C-alpha atoms as a PDB file:
ATOM      1  CA  MET A   1       4.981 -13.129  18.475  1.00  0.00           C
ATOM      2  CA  MET A   2       3.947 -10.952  15.543  1.00  0.00           C
ATOM      3  CA  LEU A   3       0.447 -11.592  14.159  1.00  0.00           C
ATOM      4  CA  VAL A   4      -1.297  -9.892  11.239  1.00  0.00           C
ATOM      5  CA  ARG A   5      -5.077 -10.081  11.438  1.00  0.00           C
ATOM      6  CA  PRO A   6      -8.150  -8.254  10.090  1.00  0.00           C
ATOM      7  CA  VAL A   7      -8.955  -4.986  11.854  1.00  0.00           C
ATOM      8  CA  THR A   8     -11.937  -4.923  14.231  1.00  0.00           C
ATOM      9  CA  MET A   9     -14.046  -2.075  15.574  1.00  0.00           C
ATOM     10  CA  SER A  10     -12.398  -2.448  18.980  1.00  0.00           C
ATOM     11  CA  ASP A  11      -9.062  -1.461  17.369  1.00  0.00           C
ATOM     12  CA  HIS A  12     -10.256   2.085  16.630  1.00  0.00           C
ATOM     13  CA  ALA A  13      -8.427   3.901  19.435  1.00  0.00           C
ATOM     14  CA  GLU A  14      -5.113   2.181  18.724  1.00  0.00           C
ATOM     15  CA  ILE A  15      -5.460   2.769  14.967  1.00  0.00           C
ATOM     16  CA  LEU A  16      -6.003   6.475  15.649  1.00  0.00           C
ATOM     17  CA  ALA A  17      -2.828   6.517  17.749  1.00  0.00           C
ATOM     18  CA  LEU A  18      -0.890   4.852  14.917  1.00  0.00           C
ATOM     19  CA  ALA A  19      -2.261   7.424  12.442  1.00  0.00           C
ATOM     20  CA  HIS A  20      -0.949  10.174  14.720  1.00  0.00           C
ATOM     21  CA  GLU A  21       2.492   8.557  14.662  1.00  0.00           C
ATOM     22  CA  ALA A  22       2.366   8.219  10.853  1.00  0.00           C
ATOM     23  CA  GLY A  23       1.843  11.970  10.440  1.00  0.00           C
ATOM     24  CA  ILE A  24       0.838  14.147   7.497  1.00  0.00           C
ATOM     25  CA  GLY A  25       1.280  12.714   4.024  1.00  0.00           C
ATOM     26  CA  MET A  26       0.028   9.177   4.636  1.00  0.00           C
ATOM     27  CA  THR A  27      -3.357   9.708   3.025  1.00  0.00           C
ATOM     28  CA  SER A  28      -4.440   6.090   3.472  1.00  0.00           C
ATOM     29  CA  LEU A  29      -4.154   6.438   7.263  1.00  0.00           C
ATOM     30  CA  PRO A  30      -5.441   9.936   8.114  1.00  0.00           C
ATOM     31  CA  GLU A  31      -5.522  11.177  11.696  1.00  0.00           C
ATOM     32  CA  ASP A  32      -9.292  11.642  11.780  1.00  0.00           C
ATOM     33  CA  ALA A  33     -11.422   9.592  14.191  1.00  0.00           C
ATOM     34  CA  GLY A  34     -14.536   9.680  12.006  1.00  0.00           C
ATOM     35  CA  VAL A  35     -12.745   8.768   8.795  1.00  0.00           C
ATOM     36  CA  LEU A  36     -10.858   5.925  10.469  1.00  0.00           C
ATOM     37  CA  LYS A  37     -14.099   4.607  11.961  1.00  0.00           C
ATOM     38  CA  THR A  38     -15.575   4.460   8.457  1.00  0.00           C
ATOM     39  CA  LYS A  39     -12.434   2.770   7.109  1.00  0.00           C
ATOM     40  CA  ILE A  40     -12.636   0.129   9.819  1.00  0.00           C
ATOM     41  CA  GLU A  41     -16.361  -0.399   9.201  1.00  0.00           C
ATOM     42  CA  ASN A  42     -15.691  -0.861   5.483  1.00  0.00           C
ATOM     43  CA  ALA A  43     -12.909  -3.332   6.221  1.00  0.00           C
ATOM     44  CA  VAL A  44     -15.037  -5.342   8.645  1.00  0.00           C
ATOM     45  CA  ALA A  45     -17.806  -5.526   6.024  1.00  0.00           C
ATOM     46  CA  SER A  46     -15.307  -6.555   3.326  1.00  0.00           C
ATOM     47  CA  PHE A  47     -13.878  -9.401   5.402  1.00  0.00           C
ATOM     48  CA  ALA A  48     -17.435 -10.553   6.086  1.00  0.00           C
ATOM     49  CA  GLY A  49     -18.243 -10.517   2.368  1.00  0.00           C
ATOM     50  CA  ASN A  50     -20.702  -7.649   2.865  1.00  0.00           C
ATOM     51  CA  ALA A  51     -19.033  -4.744   1.051  1.00  0.00           C
ATOM     52  CA  GLU A  52     -21.397  -1.946   0.049  1.00  0.00           C
ATOM     53  CA  ARG A  53     -20.864  -2.872  -3.580  1.00  0.00           C
ATOM     54  CA  LYS A  54     -18.956  -5.681  -5.276  1.00  0.00           C
ATOM     55  CA  GLY A  55     -15.525  -4.552  -6.340  1.00  0.00           C
ATOM     56  CA  ASP A  56     -15.286  -1.865  -3.670  1.00  0.00           C
ATOM     57  CA  GLU A  57     -13.818  -4.083  -0.958  1.00  0.00           C
ATOM     58  CA  ARG A  58     -11.284  -2.369   1.288  1.00  0.00           C
ATOM     59  CA  PHE A  59      -9.221  -4.649   3.486  1.00  0.00           C
ATOM     60  CA  LEU A  60      -7.300  -3.265   6.448  1.00  0.00           C
ATOM     61  CA  PHE A  61      -5.012  -5.414   8.601  1.00  0.00           C
ATOM     62  CA  VAL A  62      -3.299  -4.713  11.891  1.00  0.00           C
ATOM     63  CA  LEU A  63       0.008  -6.056  13.148  1.00  0.00           C
ATOM     64  CA  GLU A  64      -0.266  -7.147  16.750  1.00  0.00           C
ATOM     65  CA  ASP A  65       2.544  -7.848  19.170  1.00  0.00           C
ATOM     66  CA  THR A  66       0.719 -10.661  20.928  1.00  0.00           C
ATOM     67  CA  ASP A  67       3.184 -10.764  23.827  1.00  0.00           C
ATOM     68  CA  ARG A  68       2.431  -7.125  24.686  1.00  0.00           C
ATOM     69  CA  LYS A  69      -1.170  -7.198  23.381  1.00  0.00           C
ATOM     70  CA  LYS A  70      -0.404  -4.045  21.425  1.00  0.00           C
ATOM     71  CA  LEU A  71      -1.030  -2.917  17.835  1.00  0.00           C
ATOM     72  CA  VAL A  72       2.247  -1.831  16.264  1.00  0.00           C
ATOM     73  CA  GLY A  73       1.452  -1.499  12.557  1.00  0.00           C
ATOM     74  CA  THR A  74      -1.107  -1.490   9.774  1.00  0.00           C
ATOM     75  CA  VAL A  75      -1.290  -2.575   6.156  1.00  0.00           C
ATOM     76  CA  GLY A  76      -4.126  -2.542   3.641  1.00  0.00           C
ATOM     77  CA  VAL A  77      -5.393  -3.451   0.178  1.00  0.00           C
ATOM     78  CA  VAL A  78      -8.075  -1.686  -1.869  1.00  0.00           C
ATOM     79  CA  ALA A  79      -9.683  -4.098  -4.321  1.00  0.00           C
ATOM     80  CA  HIS A  80     -10.312  -1.473  -7.027  1.00  0.00           C
ATOM     81  CA  VAL A  81      -9.501   2.255  -6.909  1.00  0.00           C
ATOM     82  CA  GLY A  82     -11.634   4.886  -8.578  1.00  0.00           C
ATOM     83  CA  ILE A  83     -14.939   3.072  -8.011  1.00  0.00           C
ATOM     84  CA  LYS A  84     -16.490   5.567  -5.592  1.00  0.00           C
ATOM     85  CA  HIS A  85     -14.138   8.550  -6.002  1.00  0.00           C
ATOM     86  CA  PRO A  86     -12.014   9.439  -9.069  1.00  0.00           C
ATOM     87  CA  PHE A  87      -8.379   8.367  -8.896  1.00  0.00           C
ATOM     88  CA  TYR A  88      -6.013  10.897 -10.452  1.00  0.00           C
ATOM     89  CA  SER A  89      -2.352  10.686 -11.382  1.00  0.00           C
ATOM     90  CA  TYR A  90       0.075  12.676 -13.449  1.00  0.00           C
ATOM     91  CA  LYS A  91       1.628  10.742 -16.342  1.00  0.00           C
ATOM     92  CA  LEU A  92       5.078  11.961 -17.286  1.00  0.00           C
ATOM     93  CA  SER A  93       5.678  11.750 -21.025  1.00  0.00           C
ATOM     94  CA  THR A  94       7.955  13.272 -23.653  1.00  0.00           C
ATOM     95  CA  ILE A  95       6.921  15.238 -26.730  1.00  0.00           C
ATOM     96  CA  VAL A  96       9.096  16.363 -29.636  1.00  0.00           C
ATOM     97  CA  GLN A  97       8.978  19.936 -30.920  1.00  0.00           C
ATOM     98  CA  SER A  98      11.008  21.092 -33.910  1.00  0.00           C
ATOM     99  CA  SER A  99      11.273  23.899 -36.418  1.00  0.00           C
ATOM    100  CA  ASP A 100      13.243  23.738 -39.658  1.00  0.00           C
ATOM    101  CA  VAL A 101      12.946  27.513 -39.966  1.00  0.00           C
ATOM    102  CA  VAL A 102      15.120  28.196 -36.921  1.00  0.00           C
ATOM    103  CA  GLU A 103      16.753  24.758 -36.843  1.00  0.00           C
ATOM    104  CA  VAL A 104      15.584  23.922 -33.343  1.00  0.00           C
ATOM    105  CA  TYR A 105      14.749  20.402 -32.184  1.00  0.00           C
ATOM    106  CA  SER A 106      13.710  19.909 -28.559  1.00  0.00           C
ATOM    107  CA  LEU A 107      12.369  17.184 -26.288  1.00  0.00           C
ATOM    108  CA  GLN A 108       9.872  18.444 -23.732  1.00  0.00           C
ATOM    109  CA  LYS A 109       8.706  16.570 -20.645  1.00  0.00           C
ATOM    110  CA  VAL A 110       4.986  17.013 -20.071  1.00  0.00           C
ATOM    111  CA  LEU A 111       2.637  16.072 -17.229  1.00  0.00           C
ATOM    112  CA  HIS A 112      -0.838  14.869 -18.233  1.00  0.00           C
ATOM    113  CA  MET A 113      -3.543  14.386 -15.604  1.00  0.00           C
ATOM    114  CA  VAL A 114      -5.044  10.927 -16.150  1.00  0.00           C
ATOM    115  CA  ASN A 115      -7.344   8.299 -14.654  1.00  0.00           C
ATOM    116  CA  ASP A 116      -5.365   5.402 -16.128  1.00  0.00           C
ATOM    117  CA  TYR A 117      -5.352   3.396 -12.892  1.00  0.00           C
ATOM    118  CA  THR A 118      -9.124   3.360 -12.449  1.00  0.00           C
ATOM    119  CA  GLY A 119     -10.034  -0.218 -11.476  1.00  0.00           C
ATOM    120  CA  ALA A 120      -6.511  -1.190 -10.411  1.00  0.00           C
ATOM    121  CA  SER A 121      -5.895  -2.735  -6.991  1.00  0.00           C
ATOM    122  CA  GLU A 122      -3.906  -0.599  -4.582  1.00  0.00           C
ATOM    123  CA  ILE A 123      -1.751  -1.615  -1.662  1.00  0.00           C
ATOM    124  CA  GLY A 124      -1.240   1.003   1.020  1.00  0.00           C
ATOM    125  CA  SER A 125      -1.709   1.935   4.678  1.00  0.00           C
ATOM    126  CA  LEU A 126       1.701   0.429   5.432  1.00  0.00           C
ATOM    127  CA  PHE A 127       2.910   1.784   8.749  1.00  0.00           C
ATOM    128  CA  LEU A 128       5.107   0.296  11.451  1.00  0.00           C
ATOM    129  CA  LEU A 129       6.132   1.903  14.729  1.00  0.00           C
ATOM    130  CA  PRO A 130       9.813   2.910  14.594  1.00  0.00           C
ATOM    131  CA  GLU A 131      10.849   0.594  17.443  1.00  0.00           C
ATOM    132  CA  TYR A 132       9.581  -2.403  15.431  1.00  0.00           C
ATOM    133  CA  ARG A 133      11.512  -1.582  12.264  1.00  0.00           C
ATOM    134  CA  ARG A 134      13.940  -4.430  12.872  1.00  0.00           C
ATOM    135  CA  ASP A 135      14.391  -8.180  12.469  1.00  0.00           C
ATOM    136  CA  GLY A 136      12.553  -8.264   9.125  1.00  0.00           C
ATOM    137  CA  ILE A 137       9.233  -7.218  10.669  1.00  0.00           C
ATOM    138  CA  GLY A 138       8.676  -4.450   8.104  1.00  0.00           C
ATOM    139  CA  LYS A 139       9.385  -6.814   5.227  1.00  0.00           C
ATOM    140  CA  PHE A 140       6.984  -9.356   6.717  1.00  0.00           C
ATOM    141  CA  LEU A 141       4.250  -6.756   7.114  1.00  0.00           C
ATOM    142  CA  SER A 142       4.681  -5.506   3.553  1.00  0.00           C
ATOM    143  CA  ARG A 143       4.603  -8.979   2.000  1.00  0.00           C
ATOM    144  CA  CYS A 144       1.529 -10.108   3.931  1.00  0.00           C
ATOM    145  CA  ARG A 145      -0.668  -8.315   1.410  1.00  0.00           C
ATOM    146  CA  TYR A 146       0.573 -10.540  -1.370  1.00  0.00           C
ATOM    147  CA  LEU A 147      -0.245 -13.738   0.503  1.00  0.00           C
ATOM    148  CA  PHE A 148      -3.771 -12.390   0.896  1.00  0.00           C
ATOM    149  CA  MET A 149      -4.004 -11.522  -2.807  1.00  0.00           C
ATOM    150  CA  ALA A 150      -2.633 -14.931  -3.749  1.00  0.00           C
ATOM    151  CA  GLN A 151      -5.262 -16.662  -1.627  1.00  0.00           C
ATOM    152  CA  PHE A 152      -8.210 -14.546  -2.833  1.00  0.00           C
ATOM    153  CA  PRO A 153      -7.352 -13.483  -6.408  1.00  0.00           C
ATOM    154  CA  ASP A 154     -10.977 -12.984  -7.478  1.00  0.00           C
ATOM    155  CA  PHE A 155     -11.206  -9.834  -5.374  1.00  0.00           C
ATOM    156  CA  PHE A 156      -8.399  -8.066  -7.219  1.00  0.00           C
ATOM    157  CA  SER A 157      -7.396  -6.520 -10.521  1.00  0.00           C
ATOM    158  CA  ASP A 158      -4.657  -7.863 -12.769  1.00  0.00           C
ATOM    159  CA  ILE A 159      -2.753  -4.611 -12.079  1.00  0.00           C
ATOM    160  CA  VAL A 160      -1.575  -3.673  -8.582  1.00  0.00           C
ATOM    161  CA  ILE A 161      -0.238  -0.225  -7.696  1.00  0.00           C
ATOM    162  CA  SER A 162       1.338   1.475  -4.720  1.00  0.00           C
ATOM    163  CA  GLU A 163       1.797   5.219  -4.220  1.00  0.00           C
ATOM    164  CA  ILE A 164       5.084   6.176  -2.565  1.00  0.00           C
ATOM    165  CA  ARG A 165       5.261   9.414  -0.602  1.00  0.00           C
ATOM    166  CA  GLY A 166       7.126  12.166  -2.431  1.00  0.00           C
ATOM    167  CA  VAL A 167       9.672  14.671  -1.160  1.00  0.00           C
ATOM    168  CA  GLN A 168       8.612  16.960   1.672  1.00  0.00           C
ATOM    169  CA  ASP A 169      10.681  19.480   3.579  1.00  0.00           C
ATOM    170  CA  GLU A 170      11.258  19.629   7.346  1.00  0.00           C
ATOM    171  CA  ASN A 171       7.922  21.450   7.788  1.00  0.00           C
ATOM    172  CA  GLY A 172       5.940  18.784   5.924  1.00  0.00           C
ATOM    173  CA  ASP A 173       5.504  20.950   2.813  1.00  0.00           C
ATOM    174  CA  SER A 174       5.909  19.622  -0.715  1.00  0.00           C
ATOM    175  CA  PRO A 175       7.982  21.709  -3.162  1.00  0.00           C
ATOM    176  CA  PHE A 176       6.057  20.174  -6.059  1.00  0.00           C
ATOM    177  CA  TYR A 177       2.697  21.062  -4.537  1.00  0.00           C
ATOM    178  CA  ARG A 178       3.825  24.547  -3.582  1.00  0.00           C
ATOM    179  CA  ASN A 179       4.926  25.332  -7.143  1.00  0.00           C
ATOM    180  CA  LEU A 180       1.942  23.827  -8.954  1.00  0.00           C
ATOM    181  CA  ALA A 181      -1.275  22.703  -7.250  1.00  0.00           C
ATOM    182  CA  GLU A 182      -1.252  25.386  -4.552  1.00  0.00           C
ATOM    183  CA  HIS A 183      -1.891  28.034  -7.213  1.00  0.00           C
ATOM    184  CA  PHE A 184      -5.187  26.340  -8.081  1.00  0.00           C
ATOM    185  CA  PHE A 185      -6.321  24.926  -4.722  1.00  0.00           C
ATOM    186  CA  GLN A 186      -5.483  28.101  -2.768  1.00  0.00           C
ATOM    187  CA  MET A 187      -4.709  26.118   0.382  1.00  0.00           C
ATOM    188  CA  ASP A 188      -1.555  24.643   1.861  1.00  0.00           C
ATOM    189  CA  PHE A 189      -0.320  21.117   1.184  1.00  0.00           C
ATOM    190  CA  LYS A 190      -1.385  19.670   4.530  1.00  0.00           C
ATOM    191  CA  LYS A 191      -4.980  20.826   4.131  1.00  0.00           C
ATOM    192  CA  ALA A 192      -5.280  19.624   0.524  1.00  0.00           C
ATOM    193  CA  ASP A 193      -3.695  16.273   1.410  1.00  0.00           C
ATOM    194  CA  PHE A 194      -6.117  15.845   4.305  1.00  0.00           C
ATOM    195  CA  ILE A 195      -9.156  16.681   2.140  1.00  0.00           C
ATOM    196  CA  ASN A 196      -8.007  14.161  -0.454  1.00  0.00           C
ATOM    197  CA  ALA A 197      -7.618  11.515   2.254  1.00  0.00           C
ATOM    198  CA  THR A 198     -10.967  12.145   3.906  1.00  0.00           C
ATOM    199  CA  LYS A 199     -13.304  13.330   1.145  1.00  0.00           C
ATOM    200  CA  GLY A 200     -11.864  11.936  -2.064  1.00  0.00           C
ATOM    201  CA  GLY A 201     -10.296  13.547  -5.113  1.00  0.00           C
ATOM    202  CA  GLN A 202     -13.225  15.197  -6.878  1.00  0.00           C
ATOM    203  CA  PHE A 203     -11.850  18.642  -6.010  1.00  0.00           C
ATOM    204  CA  ILE A 204      -8.758  17.796  -8.057  1.00  0.00           C
ATOM    205  CA  SER A 205     -10.894  17.565 -11.186  1.00  0.00           C
ATOM    206  CA  ASP A 206     -12.846  20.663 -10.173  1.00  0.00           C
ATOM    207  CA  LEU A 207      -9.844  22.949  -9.675  1.00  0.00           C
ATOM    208  CA  MET A 208      -6.723  21.642 -11.444  1.00  0.00           C
ATOM    209  CA  PRO A 209      -5.990  22.633 -15.066  1.00  0.00           C
ATOM    210  CA  LYS A 210      -7.115  20.123 -17.690  1.00  0.00           C
ATOM    211  CA  TYR A 211      -4.245  20.923 -20.047  1.00  0.00           C
ATOM    212  CA  PRO A 212      -0.728  19.397 -20.038  1.00  0.00           C
ATOM    213  CA  ILE A 213       1.876  20.937 -17.744  1.00  0.00           C
ATOM    214  CA  TYR A 214       5.286  21.575 -19.317  1.00  0.00           C
ATOM    215  CA  VAL A 215       7.872  20.511 -16.740  1.00  0.00           C
ATOM    216  CA  ASP A 216      10.394  23.154 -17.820  1.00  0.00           C
ATOM    217  CA  LEU A 217       7.922  25.877 -16.804  1.00  0.00           C
ATOM    218  CA  LEU A 218       7.958  24.682 -13.195  1.00  0.00           C
ATOM    219  CA  ASP A 219      10.340  25.964 -10.553  1.00  0.00           C
ATOM    220  CA  LYS A 220      13.629  24.046 -10.465  1.00  0.00           C
ATOM    221  CA  LYS A 221      12.872  22.708  -6.974  1.00  0.00           C
ATOM    222  CA  ALA A 222       9.603  21.217  -8.240  1.00  0.00           C
ATOM    223  CA  GLN A 223      11.293  19.659 -11.266  1.00  0.00           C
ATOM    224  CA  GLU A 224      13.947  17.993  -9.127  1.00  0.00           C
ATOM    225  CA  VAL A 225      11.464  16.012  -6.985  1.00  0.00           C
ATOM    226  CA  ILE A 226       9.294  14.541  -9.758  1.00  0.00           C
ATOM    227  CA  GLY A 227       9.223  10.787  -9.243  1.00  0.00           C
ATOM    228  CA  VAL A 228      11.561  11.000  -6.236  1.00  0.00           C
ATOM    229  CA  PRO A 229      10.512   9.199  -3.023  1.00  0.00           C
ATOM    230  CA  LEU A 230      10.656  10.695   0.435  1.00  0.00           C
ATOM    231  CA  GLU A 231      13.848   9.523   2.143  1.00  0.00           C
ATOM    232  CA  ALA A 232      11.835   7.700   4.836  1.00  0.00           C
ATOM    233  CA  SER A 233       9.870   5.872   2.117  1.00  0.00           C
ATOM    234  CA  LYS A 234      12.896   4.450   0.301  1.00  0.00           C
ATOM    235  CA  PRO A 235      12.925   1.172   2.302  1.00  0.00           C
ATOM    236  CA  ALA A 236       9.275   0.588   1.306  1.00  0.00           C
ATOM    237  CA  LEU A 237      10.196   1.335  -2.306  1.00  0.00           C
ATOM    238  CA  ARG A 238      13.010  -1.228  -2.224  1.00  0.00           C
ATOM    239  CA  LEU A 239      10.627  -3.859  -0.865  1.00  0.00           C
ATOM    240  CA  LEU A 240       8.242  -3.179  -3.749  1.00  0.00           C
ATOM    241  CA  GLU A 241      11.054  -3.444  -6.274  1.00  0.00           C
ATOM    242  CA  ALA A 242      12.115  -6.784  -4.772  1.00  0.00           C
ATOM    243  CA  GLU A 243       8.587  -8.056  -5.441  1.00  0.00           C
ATOM    244  CA  GLY A 244       8.689  -6.912  -9.072  1.00  0.00           C
ATOM    245  CA  PHE A 245       7.062  -3.467  -8.897  1.00  0.00           C
ATOM    246  CA  ARG A 246       8.347  -0.820 -11.312  1.00  0.00           C
ATOM    247  CA  HIS A 247       7.814   2.891 -11.897  1.00  0.00           C
ATOM    248  CA  GLN A 248       6.011   3.455 -15.206  1.00  0.00           C
ATOM    249  CA  GLY A 249       6.070   7.257 -15.258  1.00  0.00           C
ATOM    250  CA  TYR A 250       3.014   7.926 -13.080  1.00  0.00           C
ATOM    251  CA  ILE A 251       3.337  10.291 -10.117  1.00  0.00           C
ATOM    252  CA  ASP A 252       1.150  11.637  -7.330  1.00  0.00           C
ATOM    253  CA  VAL A 253      -0.767  14.828  -8.135  1.00  0.00           C
ATOM    254  CA  PHE A 254       0.189  16.453  -4.825  1.00  0.00           C
ATOM    255  CA  ASP A 255       3.787  15.559  -3.965  1.00  0.00           C
ATOM    256  CA  ALA A 256       5.031  13.956  -7.240  1.00  0.00           C
ATOM    257  CA  GLY A 257       5.984  10.709  -5.459  1.00  0.00           C
ATOM    258  CA  PRO A 258       6.307   7.684  -7.790  1.00  0.00           C
ATOM    259  CA  THR A 259       3.434   5.275  -8.307  1.00  0.00           C
ATOM    260  CA  MET A 260       4.782   1.721  -8.525  1.00  0.00           C
ATOM    261  CA  GLN A 261       3.046  -0.931 -10.629  1.00  0.00           C
ATOM    262  CA  ALA A 262       3.111  -4.712 -11.071  1.00  0.00           C
ATOM    263  CA  GLU A 263       1.045  -7.476 -12.615  1.00  0.00           C
ATOM    264  CA  ARG A 264      -0.610  -9.271  -9.708  1.00  0.00           C
ATOM    265  CA  SER A 265       0.233 -12.746 -10.994  1.00  0.00           C
ATOM    266  CA  GLN A 266       3.898 -11.794 -11.370  1.00  0.00           C
ATOM    267  CA  ILE A 267       4.424 -10.399  -7.879  1.00  0.00           C
ATOM    268  CA  ARG A 268       7.141 -12.578  -6.386  1.00  0.00           C
ATOM    269  CA  THR A 269       5.288 -13.613  -3.226  1.00  0.00           C
ATOM    270  CA  VAL A 270       2.067 -14.261  -5.154  1.00  0.00           C
ATOM    271  CA  ARG A 271       3.914 -16.350  -7.715  1.00  0.00           C
ATOM    272  CA  LYS A 272       6.020 -18.410  -5.317  1.00  0.00           C
ATOM    273  CA  SER A 273       3.680 -19.026  -2.369  1.00  0.00           C
ATOM    274  CA  ARG A 274       2.148 -22.482  -2.014  1.00  0.00           C
ATOM    275  CA  VAL A 275      -0.723 -24.141  -0.163  1.00  0.00           C
ATOM    276  CA  ALA A 276      -0.447 -27.331   1.891  1.00  0.00           C
ATOM    277  CA  LYS A 277      -2.289 -29.160   4.639  1.00  0.00           C
ATOM    278  CA  VAL A 278      -0.900 -29.106   8.169  1.00  0.00           C
ATOM    279  CA  SER A 279      -0.012 -32.707   8.977  1.00  0.00           C
ATOM    280  CA  GLU A 280       1.446 -32.131  12.423  1.00  0.00           C
ATOM    281  CA  ILE A 281       2.188 -29.476  14.995  1.00  0.00           C
ATOM    282  CA  LYS A 282       5.342 -29.937  17.028  1.00  0.00           C
ATOM    283  CA  GLN A 283       8.445 -28.296  18.394  1.00  0.00           C
ATOM    284  CA  LEU A 284      10.755 -27.408  15.527  1.00  0.00           C
ATOM    285  CA  SER A 285      14.310 -26.173  15.442  1.00  0.00           C
ATOM    286  CA  GLY A 286      16.090 -24.370  12.644  1.00  0.00           C
ATOM    287  CA  VAL A 287      16.971 -20.978  11.300  1.00  0.00           C
ATOM    288  CA  THR A 288      14.751 -20.730   8.218  1.00  0.00           C
ATOM    289  CA  LYS A 289      11.479 -18.979   8.941  1.00  0.00           C
ATOM    290  CA  PHE A 290       8.390 -18.963   6.760  1.00  0.00           C
ATOM    291  CA  MET A 291       5.487 -16.617   6.296  1.00  0.00           C
ATOM    292  CA  LEU A 292       2.248 -18.478   6.895  1.00  0.00           C
ATOM    293  CA  ALA A 293      -1.366 -17.534   6.238  1.00  0.00           C
ATOM    294  CA  THR A 294      -4.656 -19.225   6.955  1.00  0.00           C
ATOM    295  CA  THR A 295      -7.001 -19.707   4.011  1.00  0.00           C
ATOM    296  CA  LYS A 296     -10.451 -18.557   5.168  1.00  0.00           C
ATOM    297  CA  LEU A 297     -11.477 -14.950   4.508  1.00  0.00           C
ATOM    298  CA  ALA A 298     -13.442 -14.185   7.678  1.00  0.00           C
ATOM    299  CA  ASP A 299     -10.750 -15.642   9.945  1.00  0.00           C
ATOM    300  CA  PHE A 300      -7.642 -14.725   7.984  1.00  0.00           C
ATOM    301  CA  ARG A 301      -4.374 -14.648   9.946  1.00  0.00           C
ATOM    302  CA  MET A 302      -0.739 -14.212   8.965  1.00  0.00           C
ATOM    303  CA  GLY A 303       2.401 -14.893  10.963  1.00  0.00           C
ATOM    304  CA  PHE A 304       5.949 -16.093  10.573  1.00  0.00           C
ATOM    305  CA  GLY A 305       7.671 -18.996  12.203  1.00  0.00           C
ATOM    306  CA  LEU A 306       9.254 -22.390  11.636  1.00  0.00           C
ATOM    307  CA  LEU A 307       7.829 -24.820   9.079  1.00  0.00           C
ATOM    308  CA  GLU A 308       8.968 -28.123   7.564  1.00  0.00           C
ATOM    309  CA  GLU A 309       7.612 -29.784   4.442  1.00  0.00           C
ATOM    310  CA  ASN A 310       6.930 -33.504   4.550  1.00  0.00           C
ATOM    311  CA  LYS A 311       5.235 -36.137   2.376  1.00  0.00           C
ATOM    312  CA  ASN A 312       1.871 -35.503   4.051  1.00  0.00           C
ATOM    313  CA  GLY A 313       1.973 -31.710   3.874  1.00  0.00           C
ATOM    314  CA  VAL A 314       3.761 -29.460   6.354  1.00  0.00           C
ATOM    315  CA  SER A 315       4.715 -29.489  10.007  1.00  0.00           C
ATOM    316  CA  ILE A 316       4.541 -26.158  11.792  1.00  0.00           C
ATOM    317  CA  ALA A 317       5.927 -24.998  15.097  1.00  0.00           C
ATOM    318  CA  ALA A 318       3.647 -25.173  18.113  1.00  0.00           C
ATOM    319  CA  ASP A 319       4.015 -21.494  19.060  1.00  0.00           C
ATOM    320  CA  ILE A 320       2.921 -20.122  15.674  1.00  0.00           C
ATOM    321  CA  ALA A 321       0.091 -22.672  15.476  1.00  0.00           C
ATOM    322  CA  GLU A 322      -1.247 -21.507  18.837  1.00  0.00           C
ATOM    323  CA  THR A 323      -0.953 -17.814  17.944  1.00  0.00           C
ATOM    324  CA  MET A 324      -2.702 -18.236  14.590  1.00  0.00           C
ATOM    325  CA  GLY A 325      -5.301 -20.734  15.803  1.00  0.00           C
ATOM    326  CA  ILE A 326      -4.154 -23.481  13.417  1.00  0.00           C
ATOM    327  CA  VAL A 327      -4.938 -27.155  14.032  1.00  0.00           C
ATOM    328  CA  VAL A 328      -3.903 -30.340  12.230  1.00  0.00           C
ATOM    329  CA  GLY A 329      -5.884 -30.682   9.010  1.00  0.00           C
ATOM    330  CA  ASP A 330      -6.051 -26.953   8.286  1.00  0.00           C
ATOM    331  CA  GLU A 331      -4.576 -25.609   5.079  1.00  0.00           C
ATOM    332  CA  VAL A 332      -1.951 -22.863   5.118  1.00  0.00           C
ATOM    333  CA  ARG A 333      -0.408 -20.726   2.406  1.00  0.00           C
ATOM    334  CA  PHE A 334       3.325 -20.294   2.927  1.00  0.00           C
ATOM    335  CA  ILE A 335       6.547 -18.932   1.500  1.00  0.00           C
ATOM    336  CA  GLU A 336      10.055 -18.663   2.858  1.00  0.00           C
ATOM    337  CA  ALA A 337      10.444 -15.418   4.780  1.00  0.00           C
END
């Protein structure tokens, strides 16, 4: 049985192992024991309602294979980005330049460094071991965040974003980074990406040029990857698009991967999920599975299994009730899986 639950301090070693599997480029899950310990501590405090400051809650969930008692994935939500460290993006826009003297009219694509997403909520830390990328498990893990946001909307912004990893070569290097940021940071992509993940983005403001970057002045290889997702990230991108996320021209400063955006209230799972009381727990048969979530912050759980609606609420299957710790009379938030 697959169960999504809040991370605990005892998960640290397994989280570190998952970060190693995720590799370079997943800045929200860096392979650093100290940084991950802090992330887990922040998440534990957030679930307990004891975040260091209101608005800076950082929720991290783990996916547990309860049959094997093994962590196989992670997923997270940051309540508001840019509160403690600046959050930078490049905004791709078009400017018109013309001259009647020489009869030239041109459209130029320009990158502006911006902080437009300061205060937005960010979903991230989505990772699933390769052997579990089957049977809709990845889709379930991705959508769990929206059930959480639907249940606790007061924690989150009206705008939700997700950064998709950009193109990297077989050595883990980014052609966009190599042809732009590396000139100013004077370090390779892996080191800069790791610093951003572990120490925040202040060095971006310190070292990157403040003026617009004309795209046509970049190397052709850099131009070609602007807004293009890493091949391995395309399934995650499609899941976001199915929920209503769209690319609005913002890209990552390092690898030029697209930043996807949606209004929280219009995210499909947020909009269509419902809450009902559990009227009975019994053996159920059928082929339609539902995503289910409990409704209390400190003991939040998410799973998927069989559910039937009835005049008194919902009936849920005995196995999922036992795994999630649900009893008759509890409320659950649910949506068809």
